Amino acid sequence: MDEFKKIISATEFKTNLGKYLDYVIDNHEVVIMKNGKKAARLSPYITDIDRYLFVKEEALDYQYGGKKVSYEEFMEIYEKSELRMEFINGEIYLLASPNTYHQEISGNLHIIFKNFLKDKKCKVFYAPFDVHFYKPNFKDPDVMQPDLLIACDIEDSVNESGRYMGTPSLVVEILSKSTRSKDMVEKLNTYMLSGVKEFWIVDPKKKTILVYGFNELKMDEFASYKEVDQIHSYHFKELKVNAVDIFFS
């Protein structure tokens, strides 16, 4: 028998309720039998973050060929949690709250994109807004919350629950110290392979913008812009943005 689990009868549980509650509080598990069958399981209460950390500990790092957290497991955790999360290559990432300058940049870009898209079928959305990104030869999608995105397939890509299930044409990530590596490597790869046409990486500290253009799931163009430059969109040819307007505070 597992040293952290006790199997007892329903009568035993009723008789010694307090004893077994204390046992469970000490991070043990009690299985209750009735008429020779397992009827119930009493487990310690854990918070959403505890549940996430437990799952993460149980799943070996995917980089070393270990067990991944499945898409189904991620969705089960996510649906029961109020935490902001992303799911990339079998790993769960908890998202920190953005700082004020991050939000100012996001707000500036939202206004710029919204004005550009006036009278067009495309729409701009900002985080938190879940997007499922499907990569070729991968069964499960990555689930991410780009800081901003432009979607042109809204009419045909919203399911019965009101969730957007399409592929954005343009996505924007605003770097922070904690997300720099993930945004510049893992997300770039996911966006490219899932059919996104254009990816902007905005660096608030250096006040630079990297623009990647994708064609047929491959890198087609790359440009780097400074605060004094005018940004030229790869996919939306008419979209030209003065970088200084993005970093205006």
C-alpha atoms as a PDB file:
ATOM      1  CA  MET A   1       0.000   0.000   0.000  1.00  0.00           C
ATOM      2  CA  ASP A   2       1.226   3.521  -0.782  1.00  0.00           C
ATOM      3  CA  GLU A   3       2.576   5.080   2.429  1.00  0.00           C
ATOM      4  CA  PHE A   4       0.733   8.324   1.594  1.00  0.00           C
ATOM      5  CA  LYS A   5      -2.631   6.622   1.005  1.00  0.00           C
ATOM      6  CA  LYS A   6      -5.027   4.831   3.326  1.00  0.00           C
ATOM      7  CA  ILE A   7      -7.916   2.628   2.221  1.00  0.00           C
ATOM      8  CA  ILE A   8     -10.637   2.430   4.832  1.00  0.00           C
ATOM      9  CA  SER A   9     -14.267   1.413   5.140  1.00  0.00           C
ATOM     10  CA  ALA A  10     -17.117   3.909   5.222  1.00  0.00           C
ATOM     11  CA  THR A  11     -17.819   2.867   8.827  1.00  0.00           C
ATOM     12  CA  GLU A  12     -14.207   3.497   9.841  1.00  0.00           C
ATOM     13  CA  PHE A  13     -14.342   6.928   8.195  1.00  0.00           C
ATOM     14  CA  LYS A  14     -17.555   7.894  10.001  1.00  0.00           C
ATOM     15  CA  THR A  15     -16.193   6.718  13.334  1.00  0.00           C
ATOM     16  CA  ASN A  16     -12.865   8.558  13.026  1.00  0.00           C
ATOM     17  CA  LEU A  17     -13.739  11.549  10.822  1.00  0.00           C
ATOM     18  CA  GLY A  18     -11.474  13.985  12.657  1.00  0.00           C
ATOM     19  CA  LYS A  19      -8.527  11.599  12.540  1.00  0.00           C
ATOM     20  CA  TYR A  20      -8.730  11.152   8.770  1.00  0.00           C
ATOM     21  CA  LEU A  21      -9.289  14.853   8.091  1.00  0.00           C
ATOM     22  CA  ASP A  22      -6.031  15.537   9.928  1.00  0.00           C
ATOM     23  CA  TYR A  23      -4.409  12.773   7.880  1.00  0.00           C
ATOM     24  CA  VAL A  24      -5.513  14.444   4.634  1.00  0.00           C
ATOM     25  CA  ILE A  25      -4.431  17.910   5.829  1.00  0.00           C
ATOM     26  CA  ASP A  26      -0.924  16.437   6.195  1.00  0.00           C
ATOM     27  CA  ASN A  27      -0.906  15.833   2.419  1.00  0.00           C
ATOM     28  CA  HIS A  28      -2.101  12.246   2.467  1.00  0.00           C
ATOM     29  CA  GLU A  29      -4.997  10.612   0.675  1.00  0.00           C
ATOM     30  CA  VAL A  30      -7.870   8.522   1.965  1.00  0.00           C
ATOM     31  CA  VAL A  31      -9.850   6.086  -0.199  1.00  0.00           C
ATOM     32  CA  ILE A  32     -13.219   5.127   1.237  1.00  0.00           C
ATOM     33  CA  MET A  33     -14.679   1.698   0.502  1.00  0.00           C
ATOM     34  CA  LYS A  34     -18.376   0.804   0.593  1.00  0.00           C
ATOM     35  CA  ASN A  35     -19.751  -2.687  -0.046  1.00  0.00           C
ATOM     36  CA  GLY A  36     -16.327  -3.801  -1.208  1.00  0.00           C
ATOM     37  CA  LYS A  37     -15.971  -1.074  -3.834  1.00  0.00           C
ATOM     38  CA  LYS A  38     -14.071   2.202  -3.898  1.00  0.00           C
ATOM     39  CA  ALA A  39     -16.715   4.864  -3.287  1.00  0.00           C
ATOM     40  CA  ALA A  40     -14.836   8.095  -2.692  1.00  0.00           C
ATOM     41  CA  ARG A  41     -11.419   9.685  -2.458  1.00  0.00           C
ATOM     42  CA  LEU A  42     -10.489  12.370   0.080  1.00  0.00           C
ATOM     43  CA  SER A  43      -7.520  14.465  -1.047  1.00  0.00           C
ATOM     44  CA  PRO A  44      -5.805  17.615   0.266  1.00  0.00           C
ATOM     45  CA  TYR A  45      -7.197  20.910  -1.015  1.00  0.00           C
ATOM     46  CA  ILE A  46      -4.748  22.695  -3.309  1.00  0.00           C
ATOM     47  CA  THR A  47      -4.968  26.101  -4.948  1.00  0.00           C
ATOM     48  CA  ASP A  48      -4.721  26.683  -8.688  1.00  0.00           C
ATOM     49  CA  ILE A  49      -1.073  27.646  -8.421  1.00  0.00           C
ATOM     50  CA  ASP A  50      -0.320  24.602  -6.254  1.00  0.00           C
ATOM     51  CA  ARG A  51      -2.059  22.415  -8.827  1.00  0.00           C
ATOM     52  CA  TYR A  52       0.021  23.928 -11.604  1.00  0.00           C
ATOM     53  CA  LEU A  53       3.279  23.450  -9.721  1.00  0.00           C
ATOM     54  CA  PHE A  54       2.330  19.864  -8.898  1.00  0.00           C
ATOM     55  CA  VAL A  55       1.629  19.096 -12.551  1.00  0.00           C
ATOM     56  CA  LYS A  56       4.864  20.798 -13.552  1.00  0.00           C
ATOM     57  CA  GLU A  57       6.874  18.760 -11.037  1.00  0.00           C
ATOM     58  CA  GLU A  58       5.283  15.531 -12.219  1.00  0.00           C
ATOM     59  CA  ALA A  59       5.979  16.292 -15.893  1.00  0.00           C
ATOM     60  CA  LEU A  60       9.656  16.002 -16.833  1.00  0.00           C
ATOM     61  CA  ASP A  61      11.070  18.851 -18.856  1.00  0.00           C
ATOM     62  CA  TYR A  62      10.001  18.334 -22.469  1.00  0.00           C
ATOM     63  CA  GLN A  63      13.448  19.464 -23.664  1.00  0.00           C
ATOM     64  CA  TYR A  64      14.907  16.238 -22.345  1.00  0.00           C
ATOM     65  CA  GLY A  65      12.357  13.932 -23.929  1.00  0.00           C
ATOM     66  CA  GLY A  66      10.288  13.556 -20.788  1.00  0.00           C
ATOM     67  CA  LYS A  67       6.560  13.450 -20.308  1.00  0.00           C
ATOM     68  CA  LYS A  68       4.743  16.558 -21.513  1.00  0.00           C
ATOM     69  CA  VAL A  69       1.749  18.221 -19.909  1.00  0.00           C
ATOM     70  CA  SER A  70      -1.009  17.351 -22.352  1.00  0.00           C
ATOM     71  CA  TYR A  71      -3.273  19.884 -24.019  1.00  0.00           C
ATOM     72  CA  GLU A  72      -6.240  18.316 -22.203  1.00  0.00           C
ATOM     73  CA  GLU A  73      -4.488  18.692 -18.836  1.00  0.00           C
ATOM     74  CA  PHE A  74      -3.637  22.303 -19.610  1.00  0.00           C
ATOM     75  CA  MET A  75      -7.230  23.136 -20.585  1.00  0.00           C
ATOM     76  CA  GLU A  76      -8.551  21.472 -17.418  1.00  0.00           C
ATOM     77  CA  ILE A  77      -6.212  23.550 -15.262  1.00  0.00           C
ATOM     78  CA  TYR A  78      -6.859  26.715 -17.272  1.00  0.00           C
ATOM     79  CA  GLU A  79     -10.656  26.483 -17.192  1.00  0.00           C
ATOM     80  CA  LYS A  80     -10.623  26.186 -13.398  1.00  0.00           C
ATOM     81  CA  SER A  81      -8.145  28.983 -12.812  1.00  0.00           C
ATOM     82  CA  GLU A  82      -8.235  32.762 -12.844  1.00  0.00           C
ATOM     83  CA  LEU A  83      -4.509  32.902 -13.576  1.00  0.00           C
ATOM     84  CA  ARG A  84      -3.254  33.983 -17.002  1.00  0.00           C
ATOM     85  CA  MET A  85      -1.437  31.091 -18.678  1.00  0.00           C
ATOM     86  CA  GLU A  86       0.078  30.072 -21.979  1.00  0.00           C
ATOM     87  CA  PHE A  87       0.785  26.571 -23.298  1.00  0.00           C
ATOM     88  CA  ILE A  88       3.838  26.228 -25.560  1.00  0.00           C
ATOM     89  CA  ASN A  89       5.399  22.927 -26.645  1.00  0.00           C
ATOM     90  CA  GLY A  90       3.881  21.066 -23.716  1.00  0.00           C
ATOM     91  CA  GLU A  91       4.947  23.588 -21.072  1.00  0.00           C
ATOM     92  CA  ILE A  92       2.709  25.875 -19.028  1.00  0.00           C
ATOM     93  CA  TYR A  93       3.844  29.467 -18.586  1.00  0.00           C
ATOM     94  CA  LEU A  94       2.263  31.732 -15.992  1.00  0.00           C
ATOM     95  CA  LEU A  95       1.935  35.322 -17.197  1.00  0.00           C
ATOM     96  CA  ALA A  96       2.872  38.186 -14.909  1.00  0.00           C
ATOM     97  CA  SER A  97       0.935  41.437 -14.831  1.00  0.00           C
ATOM     98  CA  PRO A  98       2.409  44.019 -17.231  1.00  0.00           C
ATOM     99  CA  ASN A  99       3.909  47.273 -15.990  1.00  0.00           C
ATOM    100  CA  THR A 100       2.525  50.722 -16.793  1.00  0.00           C
ATOM    101  CA  TYR A 101       4.872  51.467 -19.719  1.00  0.00           C
ATOM    102  CA  HIS A 102       4.015  48.113 -21.298  1.00  0.00           C
ATOM    103  CA  GLN A 103       0.351  49.078 -21.117  1.00  0.00           C
ATOM    104  CA  GLU A 104       1.008  52.530 -22.586  1.00  0.00           C
ATOM    105  CA  ILE A 105       2.784  50.956 -25.566  1.00  0.00           C
ATOM    106  CA  SER A 106      -0.016  48.432 -25.986  1.00  0.00           C
ATOM    107  CA  GLY A 107      -2.603  51.217 -25.866  1.00  0.00           C
ATOM    108  CA  ASN A 108      -0.713  53.307 -28.434  1.00  0.00           C
ATOM    109  CA  LEU A 109      -0.477  50.370 -30.837  1.00  0.00           C
ATOM    110  CA  HIS A 110      -4.130  49.503 -30.354  1.00  0.00           C
ATOM    111  CA  ILE A 111      -5.162  53.030 -31.368  1.00  0.00           C
ATOM    112  CA  ILE A 112      -2.791  52.997 -34.357  1.00  0.00           C
ATOM    113  CA  PHE A 113      -4.067  49.623 -35.592  1.00  0.00           C
ATOM    114  CA  LYS A 114      -7.719  50.461 -34.931  1.00  0.00           C
ATOM    115  CA  ASN A 115      -7.468  53.674 -36.957  1.00  0.00           C
ATOM    116  CA  PHE A 116      -5.737  51.834 -39.792  1.00  0.00           C
ATOM    117  CA  LEU A 117      -8.384  49.096 -39.849  1.00  0.00           C
ATOM    118  CA  LYS A 118     -11.341  51.472 -39.950  1.00  0.00           C
ATOM    119  CA  ASP A 119     -13.789  50.310 -42.648  1.00  0.00           C
ATOM    120  CA  LYS A 120     -11.787  47.069 -43.124  1.00  0.00           C
ATOM    121  CA  LYS A 121     -12.961  43.566 -42.212  1.00  0.00           C
ATOM    122  CA  CYS A 122      -9.879  42.925 -40.055  1.00  0.00           C
ATOM    123  CA  LYS A 123     -10.026  43.674 -36.324  1.00  0.00           C
ATOM    124  CA  VAL A 124      -7.438  44.345 -33.639  1.00  0.00           C
ATOM    125  CA  PHE A 125      -7.558  42.626 -30.240  1.00  0.00           C
ATOM    126  CA  TYR A 126      -5.366  42.936 -27.156  1.00  0.00           C
ATOM    127  CA  ALA A 127      -4.481  40.609 -24.280  1.00  0.00           C
ATOM    128  CA  PRO A 128      -5.857  38.745 -22.516  1.00  0.00           C
ATOM    129  CA  PHE A 129      -7.225  37.070 -25.657  1.00  0.00           C
ATOM    130  CA  ASP A 130      -6.584  33.341 -26.165  1.00  0.00           C
ATOM    131  CA  VAL A 131      -5.457  32.069 -29.550  1.00  0.00           C
ATOM    132  CA  HIS A 132      -4.884  28.414 -30.501  1.00  0.00           C
ATOM    133  CA  PHE A 133      -1.904  28.100 -32.841  1.00  0.00           C
ATOM    134  CA  TYR A 134      -1.710  24.847 -34.806  1.00  0.00           C
ATOM    135  CA  LYS A 135       1.694  23.792 -36.176  1.00  0.00           C
ATOM    136  CA  PRO A 136       2.164  21.143 -38.894  1.00  0.00           C
ATOM    137  CA  ASN A 137       2.764  17.610 -37.574  1.00  0.00           C
ATOM    138  CA  PHE A 138       1.805  18.625 -34.026  1.00  0.00           C
ATOM    139  CA  LYS A 139      -1.381  17.077 -32.655  1.00  0.00           C
ATOM    140  CA  ASP A 140      -1.987  19.732 -30.014  1.00  0.00           C
ATOM    141  CA  PRO A 141      -1.952  23.489 -30.500  1.00  0.00           C
ATOM    142  CA  ASP A 142       0.017  26.051 -28.559  1.00  0.00           C
ATOM    143  CA  VAL A 143      -2.322  28.365 -26.646  1.00  0.00           C
ATOM    144  CA  MET A 144      -1.035  31.907 -26.285  1.00  0.00           C
ATOM    145  CA  GLN A 145      -2.129  35.444 -25.495  1.00  0.00           C
ATOM    146  CA  PRO A 146      -0.297  37.859 -27.835  1.00  0.00           C
ATOM    147  CA  ASP A 147      -0.126  41.405 -26.505  1.00  0.00           C
ATOM    148  CA  LEU A 148      -1.942  42.529 -29.657  1.00  0.00           C
ATOM    149  CA  LEU A 149      -3.118  40.837 -32.816  1.00  0.00           C
ATOM    150  CA  ILE A 150      -4.870  41.663 -36.050  1.00  0.00           C
ATOM    151  CA  ALA A 151      -7.320  38.999 -37.250  1.00  0.00           C
ATOM    152  CA  CYS A 152      -8.929  39.030 -40.698  1.00  0.00           C
ATOM    153  CA  ASP A 153     -10.823  35.734 -40.423  1.00  0.00           C
ATOM    154  CA  ILE A 154     -13.210  36.580 -37.576  1.00  0.00           C
ATOM    155  CA  GLU A 155     -16.381  35.874 -39.558  1.00  0.00           C
ATOM    156  CA  ASP A 156     -15.471  32.214 -40.095  1.00  0.00           C
ATOM    157  CA  SER A 157     -13.366  31.474 -37.021  1.00  0.00           C
ATOM    158  CA  VAL A 158     -15.489  32.013 -33.919  1.00  0.00           C
ATOM    159  CA  ASN A 159     -16.934  28.853 -32.371  1.00  0.00           C
ATOM    160  CA  GLU A 160     -20.231  28.338 -30.530  1.00  0.00           C
ATOM    161  CA  SER A 161     -18.650  29.410 -27.247  1.00  0.00           C
ATOM    162  CA  GLY A 162     -17.555  32.719 -28.745  1.00  0.00           C
ATOM    163  CA  ARG A 163     -13.879  31.758 -28.798  1.00  0.00           C
ATOM    164  CA  TYR A 164     -11.687  32.848 -31.673  1.00  0.00           C
ATOM    165  CA  MET A 165     -10.194  29.733 -33.317  1.00  0.00           C
ATOM    166  CA  GLY A 166      -8.542  31.264 -36.370  1.00  0.00           C
ATOM    167  CA  THR A 167      -5.025  32.394 -37.227  1.00  0.00           C
ATOM    168  CA  PRO A 168      -4.118  36.083 -36.833  1.00  0.00           C
ATOM    169  CA  SER A 169      -2.471  37.867 -39.729  1.00  0.00           C
ATOM    170  CA  LEU A 170      -0.245  39.970 -37.462  1.00  0.00           C
ATOM    171  CA  VAL A 171       0.803  39.494 -33.843  1.00  0.00           C
ATOM    172  CA  VAL A 172       2.712  41.788 -31.494  1.00  0.00           C
ATOM    173  CA  GLU A 173       4.680  40.889 -28.379  1.00  0.00           C
ATOM    174  CA  ILE A 174       5.981  43.605 -26.049  1.00  0.00           C
ATOM    175  CA  LEU A 175       9.117  42.356 -24.329  1.00  0.00           C
ATOM    176  CA  SER A 176       9.663  42.229 -20.605  1.00  0.00           C
ATOM    177  CA  LYS A 177      12.603  40.873 -18.652  1.00  0.00           C
ATOM    178  CA  SER A 178      10.748  37.647 -17.866  1.00  0.00           C
ATOM    179  CA  THR A 179       9.399  37.009 -21.385  1.00  0.00           C
ATOM    180  CA  ARG A 180      12.325  38.071 -23.593  1.00  0.00           C
ATOM    181  CA  SER A 181      13.655  34.589 -24.375  1.00  0.00           C
ATOM    182  CA  LYS A 182      10.209  33.030 -24.812  1.00  0.00           C
ATOM    183  CA  ASP A 183       8.945  35.814 -27.082  1.00  0.00           C
ATOM    184  CA  MET A 184      12.055  35.981 -29.253  1.00  0.00           C
ATOM    185  CA  VAL A 185      12.596  32.253 -29.760  1.00  0.00           C
ATOM    186  CA  GLU A 186       9.699  29.955 -28.931  1.00  0.00           C
ATOM    187  CA  LYS A 187       6.861  32.279 -29.906  1.00  0.00           C
ATOM    188  CA  LEU A 188       8.587  33.348 -33.110  1.00  0.00           C
ATOM    189  CA  ASN A 189       8.801  29.704 -34.150  1.00  0.00           C
ATOM    190  CA  THR A 190       5.159  29.000 -33.261  1.00  0.00           C
ATOM    191  CA  TYR A 191       3.858  32.053 -35.097  1.00  0.00           C
ATOM    192  CA  MET A 192       5.885  31.237 -38.203  1.00  0.00           C
ATOM    193  CA  LEU A 193       4.819  27.578 -38.354  1.00  0.00           C
ATOM    194  CA  SER A 194       1.135  28.216 -37.602  1.00  0.00           C
ATOM    195  CA  GLY A 195       0.484  30.516 -40.541  1.00  0.00           C
ATOM    196  CA  VAL A 196       0.836  33.983 -39.027  1.00  0.00           C
ATOM    197  CA  LYS A 197       1.955  36.433 -41.716  1.00  0.00           C
ATOM    198  CA  GLU A 198       3.767  39.002 -39.606  1.00  0.00           C
ATOM    199  CA  PHE A 199       5.288  39.246 -36.123  1.00  0.00           C
ATOM    200  CA  TRP A 200       6.382  42.426 -34.327  1.00  0.00           C
ATOM    201  CA  ILE A 201       8.642  42.327 -31.266  1.00  0.00           C
ATOM    202  CA  VAL A 202       8.600  45.625 -29.380  1.00  0.00           C
ATOM    203  CA  ASP A 203      11.448  46.295 -26.951  1.00  0.00           C
ATOM    204  CA  PRO A 204      10.427  49.070 -24.495  1.00  0.00           C
ATOM    205  CA  LYS A 205      13.905  49.308 -22.970  1.00  0.00           C
ATOM    206  CA  LYS A 206      15.862  49.736 -26.227  1.00  0.00           C
ATOM    207  CA  LYS A 207      12.916  51.381 -28.019  1.00  0.00           C
ATOM    208  CA  THR A 208      13.284  49.146 -31.037  1.00  0.00           C
ATOM    209  CA  ILE A 209      10.847  47.112 -33.119  1.00  0.00           C
ATOM    210  CA  LEU A 210      11.719  43.903 -34.947  1.00  0.00           C
ATOM    211  CA  VAL A 211       9.384  42.980 -37.810  1.00  0.00           C
ATOM    212  CA  TYR A 212       9.348  39.424 -39.183  1.00  0.00           C
ATOM    213  CA  GLY A 213       7.522  38.554 -42.395  1.00  0.00           C
ATOM    214  CA  PHE A 214       6.483  34.925 -42.987  1.00  0.00           C
ATOM    215  CA  ASN A 215       5.529  33.253 -46.242  1.00  0.00           C
ATOM    216  CA  GLU A 216       4.553  29.587 -46.625  1.00  0.00           C
ATOM    217  CA  LEU A 217       5.541  28.911 -42.996  1.00  0.00           C
ATOM    218  CA  LYS A 218       9.074  30.218 -43.561  1.00  0.00           C
ATOM    219  CA  MET A 219      10.942  33.432 -42.789  1.00  0.00           C
ATOM    220  CA  ASP A 220      10.656  35.731 -45.797  1.00  0.00           C
ATOM    221  CA  GLU A 221      11.733  39.167 -44.558  1.00  0.00           C
ATOM    222  CA  PHE A 222      13.206  40.756 -41.440  1.00  0.00           C
ATOM    223  CA  ALA A 223      13.616  44.420 -40.528  1.00  0.00           C
ATOM    224  CA  SER A 224      14.787  46.293 -37.440  1.00  0.00           C
ATOM    225  CA  TYR A 225      13.508  49.763 -36.586  1.00  0.00           C
ATOM    226  CA  LYS A 226      14.606  52.390 -34.073  1.00  0.00           C
ATOM    227  CA  GLU A 227      12.521  55.078 -32.378  1.00  0.00           C
ATOM    228  CA  VAL A 228      13.308  57.615 -35.128  1.00  0.00           C
ATOM    229  CA  ASP A 229      12.261  55.281 -37.966  1.00  0.00           C
ATOM    230  CA  GLN A 230       9.013  54.682 -39.815  1.00  0.00           C
ATOM    231  CA  ILE A 231       7.879  51.055 -39.628  1.00  0.00           C
ATOM    232  CA  HIS A 232       6.635  49.433 -42.831  1.00  0.00           C
ATOM    233  CA  SER A 233       4.321  46.457 -42.373  1.00  0.00           C
ATOM    234  CA  TYR A 234       5.235  43.299 -44.286  1.00  0.00           C
ATOM    235  CA  HIS A 235       1.689  41.999 -44.775  1.00  0.00           C
ATOM    236  CA  PHE A 236      -0.404  45.185 -44.653  1.00  0.00           C
ATOM    237  CA  LYS A 237       1.399  47.181 -47.326  1.00  0.00           C
ATOM    238  CA  GLU A 238      -0.484  50.397 -46.571  1.00  0.00           C
ATOM    239  CA  LEU A 239       0.355  50.288 -42.854  1.00  0.00           C
ATOM    240  CA  LYS A 240       3.198  52.662 -41.983  1.00  0.00           C
ATOM    241  CA  VAL A 241       3.840  53.606 -38.359  1.00  0.00           C
ATOM    242  CA  ASN A 242       6.158  56.201 -36.881  1.00  0.00           C
ATOM    243  CA  ALA A 243       7.975  54.289 -34.166  1.00  0.00           C
ATOM    244  CA  VAL A 244       8.039  57.350 -31.902  1.00  0.00           C
ATOM    245  CA  ASP A 245       4.233  57.155 -31.725  1.00  0.00           C
ATOM    246  CA  ILE A 246       4.486  53.656 -30.260  1.00  0.00           C
ATOM    247  CA  PHE A 247       6.801  54.691 -27.434  1.00  0.00           C
ATOM    248  CA  PHE A 248       4.991  57.947 -26.654  1.00  0.00           C
ATOM    249  CA  SER A 249       4.162  58.089 -22.937  1.00  0.00           C
END
